[in-house]
C-alpha atoms as a PDB file:
ATOM      1  CA  UNK A   1      49.347  77.189-116.804  1.00  0.00           C
ATOM      2  CA  UNK A   2      48.229  73.880-118.245  1.00  0.00           C
ATOM      3  CA  UNK A   3      46.045  71.709-116.007  1.00  0.00           C
ATOM      4  CA  UNK A   4      47.562  68.289-115.344  1.00  0.00           C
ATOM      5  CA  UNK A   5      44.777  66.858-113.185  1.00  0.00           C
ATOM      6  CA  UNK A   6      44.051  64.087-115.713  1.00  0.00           C
ATOM      7  CA  UNK A   7      47.723  63.101-115.991  1.00  0.00           C
ATOM      8  CA  UNK A   8      48.112  63.085-112.189  1.00  0.00           C
ATOM      9  CA  UNK A   9      45.048  60.863-111.795  1.00  0.00           C
ATOM     10  CA  UNK A  10      46.237  58.440-114.476  1.00  0.00           C
ATOM     11  CA  UNK A  11      49.754  58.361-112.993  1.00  0.00           C
ATOM     12  CA  UNK A  12      48.360  57.599-109.520  1.00  0.00           C
ATOM     13  CA  UNK A  13      46.309  54.757-110.982  1.00  0.00           C
ATOM     14  CA  UNK A  14      49.270  53.365-112.929  1.00  0.00           C
ATOM     15  CA  UNK A  15      51.718  53.513-110.003  1.00  0.00           C
ATOM     16  CA  UNK A  16      49.166  52.331-107.414  1.00  0.00           C
ATOM     17  CA  UNK A  17      49.410  55.269-105.035  1.00  0.00           C
ATOM     18  CA  UNK A  18      47.550  58.433-104.100  1.00  0.00           C
ATOM     19  CA  UNK A  19      47.599  61.567-106.214  1.00  0.00           C
ATOM     20  CA  UNK A  20      49.540  63.476-103.583  1.00  0.00           C
ATOM     21  CA  UNK A  21      52.406  61.016-104.031  1.00  0.00           C
ATOM     22  CA  UNK A  22      52.725  61.784-107.739  1.00  0.00           C
ATOM     23  CA  UNK A  23      55.479  64.208-108.832  1.00  0.00           C
ATOM     24  CA  UNK A  24      55.289  65.730-112.295  1.00  0.00           C
ATOM     25  CA  UNK A  25      58.414  67.345-113.749  1.00  0.00           C
ATOM     26  CA  UNK A  26      57.640  71.114-113.938  1.00  0.00           C
ATOM     27  CA  UNK A  27      60.170  71.522-116.789  1.00  0.00           C
ATOM     28  CA  UNK A  28      58.321  69.049-119.014  1.00  0.00           C
ATOM     29  CA  UNK A  29      54.783  70.337-118.583  1.00  0.00           C
ATOM     30  CA  UNK A  30      54.067  70.481-122.337  1.00  0.00           C
ATOM     31  CA  UNK A  31      55.145  66.898-122.948  1.00  0.00           C
ATOM     32  CA  UNK A  32      53.261  65.624-119.895  1.00  0.00           C
ATOM     33  CA  UNK A  33      50.093  67.470-120.933  1.00  0.00           C
ATOM     34  CA  UNK A  34      50.129  65.554-124.246  1.00  0.00           C
ATOM     35  CA  UNK A  35      49.814  62.200-122.423  1.00  0.00           C
ATOM     36  CA  UNK A  36      46.123  61.449-122.300  1.00  0.00           C
ATOM     37  CA  UNK A  37      46.212  57.647-121.868  1.00  0.00           C
ATOM     38  CA  UNK A  38      47.615  55.175-119.379  1.00  0.00           C
ATOM     39  CA  UNK A  39      50.078  53.866-121.946  1.00  0.00           C
ATOM     40  CA  UNK A  40      51.522  57.328-122.480  1.00  0.00           C
ATOM     41  CA  UNK A  41      51.710  57.882-118.704  1.00  0.00           C
ATOM     42  CA  UNK A  42      53.592  54.581-118.296  1.00  0.00           C
ATOM     43  CA  UNK A  43      56.125  55.844-120.837  1.00  0.00           C
ATOM     44  CA  UNK A  44      56.530  59.090-118.890  1.00  0.00           C
ATOM     45  CA  UNK A  45      57.071  57.082-115.678  1.00  0.00           C
ATOM     46  CA  UNK A  46      59.693  54.994-117.443  1.00  0.00           C
ATOM     47  CA  UNK A  47      61.428  58.117-118.749  1.00  0.00           C
ATOM     48  CA  UNK A  48      61.455  59.642-115.247  1.00  0.00           C
ATOM     49  CA  UNK A  49      59.208  62.590-115.992  1.00  0.00           C
ATOM     50  CA  UNK A  50      56.614  61.264-113.544  1.00  0.00           C
ATOM     51  CA  UNK A  51      57.923  59.967-110.220  1.00  0.00           C
ATOM     52  CA  UNK A  52      56.321  58.463-107.128  1.00  0.00           C
ATOM     53  CA  UNK A  53      57.346  60.470-104.064  1.00  0.00           C
ATOM     54  CA  UNK A  54      59.010  58.501-101.234  1.00  0.00           C
ATOM     55  CA  UNK A  55      57.075  57.773 -98.045  1.00  0.00           C
ATOM     56  CA  UNK A  56      57.552  60.409 -95.366  1.00  0.00           C
ATOM     57  CA  UNK A  57      59.445  59.080 -92.366  1.00  0.00           C
ATOM     58  CA  UNK A  58      57.832  59.327 -88.935  1.00  0.00           C
ATOM     59  CA  UNK A  59      60.694  58.544 -86.612  1.00  0.00           C
ATOM     60  CA  UNK A  60      60.015  56.394 -83.543  1.00  0.00           C
ATOM     61  CA  UNK A  61      63.424  57.045 -81.984  1.00  0.00           C
ATOM     62  CA  UNK A  62      62.045  59.340 -79.269  1.00  0.00           C
ATOM     63  CA  UNK A  63      59.138  56.948 -78.597  1.00  0.00           C
ATOM     64  CA  UNK A  64      61.584  54.045 -78.186  1.00  0.00           C
ATOM     65  CA  UNK A  65      63.706  56.056 -75.756  1.00  0.00           C
ATOM     66  CA  UNK A  66      60.625  56.946 -73.707  1.00  0.00           C
ATOM     67  CA  UNK A  67      59.389  53.336 -73.674  1.00  0.00           C
ATOM     68  CA  UNK A  68      62.824  52.110 -72.588  1.00  0.00           C
ATOM     69  CA  UNK A  69      62.890  54.627 -69.735  1.00  0.00           C
ATOM     70  CA  UNK A  70      59.359  53.616 -68.630  1.00  0.00           C
ATOM     71  CA  UNK A  71      60.401  49.972 -68.663  1.00  0.00           C
ATOM     72  CA  UNK A  72      63.035  50.900 -66.084  1.00  0.00           C
ATOM     73  CA  UNK A  73      60.332  52.556 -63.976  1.00  0.00           C
ATOM     74  CA  UNK A  74      60.929  56.184 -64.908  1.00  0.00           C
ATOM     75  CA  UNK A  75      58.097  58.687 -65.459  1.00  0.00           C
ATOM     76  CA  UNK A  76      55.589  56.508 -63.579  1.00  0.00           C
ATOM     77  CA  UNK A  77      55.269  58.412 -60.310  1.00  0.00           C
ATOM     78  CA  UNK A  78      52.074  59.629 -58.684  1.00  0.00           C
ATOM     79  CA  UNK A  79      52.055  62.754 -60.839  1.00  0.00           C
ATOM     80  CA  UNK A  80      51.953  60.726 -64.080  1.00  0.00           C
ATOM     81  CA  UNK A  81      49.075  58.446 -63.070  1.00  0.00           C
ATOM     82  CA  UNK A  82      45.595  59.329 -64.333  1.00  0.00           C
ATOM     83  CA  UNK A  83      43.507  56.306 -63.301  1.00  0.00           C
ATOM     84  CA  UNK A  84      43.032  54.427 -60.040  1.00  0.00           C
ATOM     85  CA  UNK A  85      45.111  51.365 -59.222  1.00  0.00           C
ATOM     86  CA  UNK A  86      42.207  49.095 -60.149  1.00  0.00           C
ATOM     87  CA  UNK A  87      41.683  50.909 -63.439  1.00  0.00           C
ATOM     88  CA  UNK A  88      45.384  50.794 -64.379  1.00  0.00           C
ATOM     89  CA  UNK A  89      45.778  47.066 -63.647  1.00  0.00           C
ATOM     90  CA  UNK A  90      42.555  45.305 -62.576  1.00  0.00           C
ATOM     91  CA  UNK A  91      42.818  42.607 -59.908  1.00  0.00           C
ATOM     92  CA  UNK A  92      40.796  40.351 -62.191  1.00  0.00           C
ATOM     93  CA  UNK A  93      43.592  40.475 -64.782  1.00  0.00           C
ATOM     94  CA  UNK A  94      46.110  39.539 -62.074  1.00  0.00           C
ATOM     95  CA  UNK A  95      43.854  36.671 -60.967  1.00  0.00           C
ATOM     96  CA  UNK A  96      43.474  35.395 -64.543  1.00  0.00           C
ATOM     97  CA  UNK A  97      47.233  35.454 -65.065  1.00  0.00           C
ATOM     98  CA  UNK A  98      47.874  33.575 -61.815  1.00  0.00           C
ATOM     99  CA  UNK A  99      45.211  30.957 -62.565  1.00  0.00           C
ATOM    100  CA  UNK A 100      46.608  30.341 -66.046  1.00  0.00           C
ATOM    101  CA  UNK A 101      50.166  29.962 -64.740  1.00  0.00           C
ATOM    102  CA  UNK A 102      49.185  27.497 -61.986  1.00  0.00           C
ATOM    103  CA  UNK A 103      46.799  25.493 -64.179  1.00  0.00           C
ATOM    104  CA  UNK A 104      49.442  25.268 -66.909  1.00  0.00           C
ATOM    105  CA  UNK A 105      51.897  23.869 -64.339  1.00  0.00           C
ATOM    106  CA  UNK A 106      49.370  21.291 -63.102  1.00  0.00           C
ATOM    107  CA  UNK A 107      48.606  20.219 -66.674  1.00  0.00           C
ATOM    108  CA  UNK A 108      52.317  19.817 -67.411  1.00  0.00           C
ATOM    109  CA  UNK A 109      52.795  17.690 -64.284  1.00  0.00           C
ATOM    110  CA  UNK A 110      49.800  15.511 -65.179  1.00  0.00           C
ATOM    111  CA  UNK A 111      50.921  15.002 -68.790  1.00  0.00           C
ATOM    112  CA  UNK A 112      54.446  14.054 -67.674  1.00  0.00           C
ATOM    113  CA  UNK A 113      52.969  11.529 -65.153  1.00  0.00           C
ATOM    114  CA  UNK A 114      54.442  13.377 -62.170  1.00  0.00           C
ATOM    115  CA  UNK A 115      50.971  13.432 -60.583  1.00  0.00           C
ATOM    116  CA  UNK A 116      47.935  11.247 -61.200  1.00  0.00           C
ATOM    117  CA  UNK A 117      44.485  12.499 -62.149  1.00  0.00           C
ATOM    118  CA  UNK A 118      43.176  12.309 -58.575  1.00  0.00           C
ATOM    119  CA  UNK A 119      45.940  14.507 -57.140  1.00  0.00           C
ATOM    120  CA  UNK A 120      45.556  16.806 -60.160  1.00  0.00           C
ATOM    121  CA  UNK A 121      41.865  17.292 -59.407  1.00  0.00           C
ATOM    122  CA  UNK A 122      42.511  17.938 -55.714  1.00  0.00           C
ATOM    123  CA  UNK A 123      45.205  20.528 -56.444  1.00  0.00           C
ATOM    124  CA  UNK A 124      43.106  22.095 -59.215  1.00  0.00           C
ATOM    125  CA  UNK A 125      40.285  22.807 -56.789  1.00  0.00           C
ATOM    126  CA  UNK A 126      42.737  24.176 -54.212  1.00  0.00           C
ATOM    127  CA  UNK A 127      44.246  26.485 -56.851  1.00  0.00           C
ATOM    128  CA  UNK A 128      40.754  27.721 -57.671  1.00  0.00           C
ATOM    129  CA  UNK A 129      40.173  28.296 -53.954  1.00  0.00           C
ATOM    130  CA  UNK A 130      43.163  30.681 -53.723  1.00  0.00           C
ATOM    131  CA  UNK A 131      45.293  28.318 -51.600  1.00  0.00           C
ATOM    132  CA  UNK A 132      48.508  28.751 -53.614  1.00  0.00           C
ATOM    133  CA  UNK A 133      49.743  32.249 -54.430  1.00  0.00           C
ATOM    134  CA  UNK A 134      52.501  31.352 -56.918  1.00  0.00           C
ATOM    135  CA  UNK A 135      54.270  28.504 -58.707  1.00  0.00           C
ATOM    136  CA  UNK A 136      56.870  27.955 -55.996  1.00  0.00           C
ATOM    137  CA  UNK A 137      54.244  27.320 -53.316  1.00  0.00           C
ATOM    138  CA  UNK A 138      52.334  24.981 -55.623  1.00  0.00           C
ATOM    139  CA  UNK A 139      55.473  23.003 -56.494  1.00  0.00           C
ATOM    140  CA  UNK A 140      56.294  22.616 -52.789  1.00  0.00           C
ATOM    141  CA  UNK A 141      52.746  21.389 -52.159  1.00  0.00           C
ATOM    142  CA  UNK A 142      53.075  18.845 -54.982  1.00  0.00           C
ATOM    143  CA  UNK A 143      56.349  17.477 -53.578  1.00  0.00           C
ATOM    144  CA  UNK A 144      54.866  17.346 -50.074  1.00  0.00           C
ATOM    145  CA  UNK A 145      51.755  15.501 -51.260  1.00  0.00           C
ATOM    146  CA  UNK A 146      53.843  13.009 -53.245  1.00  0.00           C
ATOM    147  CA  UNK A 147      56.133  12.354 -50.258  1.00  0.00           C
ATOM    148  CA  UNK A 148      53.095  11.855 -48.010  1.00  0.00           C
ATOM    149  CA  UNK A 149      51.586   9.447 -50.514  1.00  0.00           C
ATOM    150  CA  UNK A 150      54.827   7.438 -50.742  1.00  0.00           C
ATOM    151  CA  UNK A 151      55.051   7.291 -46.939  1.00  0.00           C
ATOM    152  CA  UNK A 152      51.462   6.056 -46.635  1.00  0.00           C
ATOM    153  CA  UNK A 153      52.102   3.426 -49.320  1.00  0.00           C
ATOM    154  CA  UNK A 154      55.256   2.254 -47.505  1.00  0.00           C
ATOM    155  CA  UNK A 155      53.345   1.932 -44.210  1.00  0.00           C
ATOM    156  CA  UNK A 156      50.532   0.049 -45.949  1.00  0.00           C
ATOM    157  CA  UNK A 157      53.036  -2.318 -47.589  1.00  0.00           C
ATOM    158  CA  UNK A 158      54.707  -2.968 -44.231  1.00  0.00           C
ATOM    159  CA  UNK A 159      51.342  -3.741 -42.613  1.00  0.00           C
ATOM    160  CA  UNK A 160      50.462  -6.094 -45.466  1.00  0.00           C
ATOM    161  CA  UNK A 161      53.829  -7.834 -45.175  1.00  0.00           C
ATOM    162  CA  UNK A 162      53.382  -8.185 -41.403  1.00  0.00           C
ATOM    163  CA  UNK A 163      49.869  -9.538 -41.896  1.00  0.00           C
ATOM    164  CA  UNK A 164      51.058 -12.073 -44.481  1.00  0.00           C
ATOM    165  CA  UNK A 165      53.962 -13.118 -42.247  1.00  0.00           C
ATOM    166  CA  UNK A 166      51.644 -13.585 -39.232  1.00  0.00           C
ATOM    167  CA  UNK A 167      49.211 -15.592 -41.322  1.00  0.00           C
ATOM    168  CA  UNK A 168      52.011 -17.842 -42.606  1.00  0.00           C
ATOM    169  CA  UNK A 169      53.295 -18.324 -39.037  1.00  0.00           C
ATOM    170  CA  UNK A 170      49.822 -19.282 -37.803  1.00  0.00           C
ATOM    171  CA  UNK A 171      49.434 -21.744 -40.666  1.00  0.00           C
ATOM    172  CA  UNK A 172      52.821 -23.347 -39.854  1.00  0.00           C
ATOM    173  CA  UNK A 173      51.868 -23.660 -36.163  1.00  0.00           C
ATOM    174  CA  UNK A 174      48.537 -25.265 -37.104  1.00  0.00           C
ATOM    175  CA  UNK A 175      50.308 -27.750 -39.388  1.00  0.00           C
ATOM    176  CA  UNK A 176      52.802 -28.667 -36.651  1.00  0.00           C
ATOM    177  CA  UNK A 177      49.981 -29.091 -34.114  1.00  0.00           C
ATOM    178  CA  UNK A 178      48.119 -31.410 -36.467  1.00  0.00           C
ATOM    179  CA  UNK A 179      51.314 -33.412 -37.042  1.00  0.00           C
ATOM    180  CA  UNK A 180      51.811 -33.845 -33.269  1.00  0.00           C
ATOM    181  CA  UNK A 181      48.217 -34.921 -32.784  1.00  0.00           C
ATOM    182  CA  UNK A 182      48.567 -37.356 -35.646  1.00  0.00           C
ATOM    183  CA  UNK A 183      51.786 -38.852 -34.167  1.00  0.00           C
ATOM    184  CA  UNK A 184      50.101 -39.292 -30.726  1.00  0.00           C
ATOM    185  CA  UNK A 185      52.173 -36.777 -28.821  1.00  0.00           C
ATOM    186  CA  UNK A 186      50.030 -34.561 -26.634  1.00  0.00           C
ATOM    187  CA  UNK A 187      51.222 -31.539 -24.887  1.00  0.00           C
ATOM    188  CA  UNK A 188      51.037 -31.906 -21.126  1.00  0.00           C
ATOM    189  CA  UNK A 189      48.965 -29.217 -19.579  1.00  0.00           C
ATOM    190  CA  UNK A 190      50.518 -28.202 -16.193  1.00  0.00           C
ATOM    191  CA  UNK A 191      48.032 -28.497 -13.304  1.00  0.00           C
ATOM    192  CA  UNK A 192      47.846 -25.359 -11.220  1.00  0.00           C
ATOM    193  CA  UNK A 193      48.657 -25.966  -7.484  1.00  0.00           C
ATOM    194  CA  UNK A 194      46.112 -24.730  -4.921  1.00  0.00           C
ATOM    195  CA  UNK A 195      47.142 -21.512  -3.238  1.00  0.00           C
ATOM    196  CA  UNK A 196      48.151 -21.855   0.498  1.00  0.00           C
ATOM    197  CA  UNK A 197      45.531 -20.741   3.013  1.00  0.00           C
ATOM    198  CA  UNK A 198      46.094 -17.287   4.412  1.00  0.00           C
ATOM    199  CA  UNK A 199      47.056 -17.088   8.107  1.00  0.00           C
ATOM    200  CA  UNK A 200      44.516 -15.570  10.495  1.00  0.00           C
ATOM    201  CA  UNK A 201      45.396 -12.078  11.559  1.00  0.00           C
ATOM    202  CA  UNK A 202      46.032 -11.595  15.352  1.00  0.00           C
ATOM    203  CA  UNK A 203      43.136 -10.132  17.323  1.00  0.00           C
ATOM    204  CA  UNK A 204      43.356  -6.442  17.924  1.00  0.00           C
ATOM    205  CA  UNK A 205      43.870  -5.314  21.517  1.00  0.00           C
ATOM    206  CA  UNK A 206      41.019  -3.322  23.037  1.00  0.00           C
ATOM    207  CA  UNK A 207      41.813   0.322  23.329  1.00  0.00           C
ATOM    208  CA  UNK A 208      41.146   1.615  26.866  1.00  0.00           C
ATOM    209  CA  UNK A 209      41.786   4.720  28.896  1.00  0.00           C
ATOM    210  CA  UNK A 210      45.153   5.006  30.640  1.00  0.00           C
ATOM    211  CA  UNK A 211      45.055   4.784  34.508  1.00  0.00           C
ATOM    212  CA  UNK A 212      45.031   8.155  36.163  1.00  0.00           C
ATOM    213  CA  UNK A 213      48.055   9.029  38.322  1.00  0.00           C
ATOM    214  CA  UNK A 214      47.561  10.160  41.991  1.00  0.00           C
END
């Protein structure tokens, strides 16, 4: 039996694979043994006397079926669990996920001008303090805060308008008073009449003992 170790090594180098992937034609051993250079090996590869074996298939069909079943919740009962609840899904991971979701929502609201930087900072600190447990609660809080802010602004605007109106009214009254004084018309001040004297109360009768009957 002729040794073909050299030819196998050269073929592996030429084809860019491992030696175990090289197939040498057992019927052409004499011709293959004559090839002692890479050029000769390339010719043998071209002629089909040396072939690169195909990659062995490692099917993932069963693994896919198992993963699909686990996604539905199968095979995850108490008997299949090896670690504690904390080890299987740490609460810190849950916290990180929740923080990232809520902070992403706040950032989106701030960038789209739905909330200003002051409300953003207030809500950010509340999120960090575990006030909001999910996006829905945070969105409700945002709408509530915005409605409260609008209501306060409306009340402030009404107060300002009332203040301006009162000031304008006082100024108009002052102008009219000055015009009257300038034209010589004085307002008559009514003189209060003296109150009538109170009548004297009748004298109280002396209380005595009733006469005794015989």
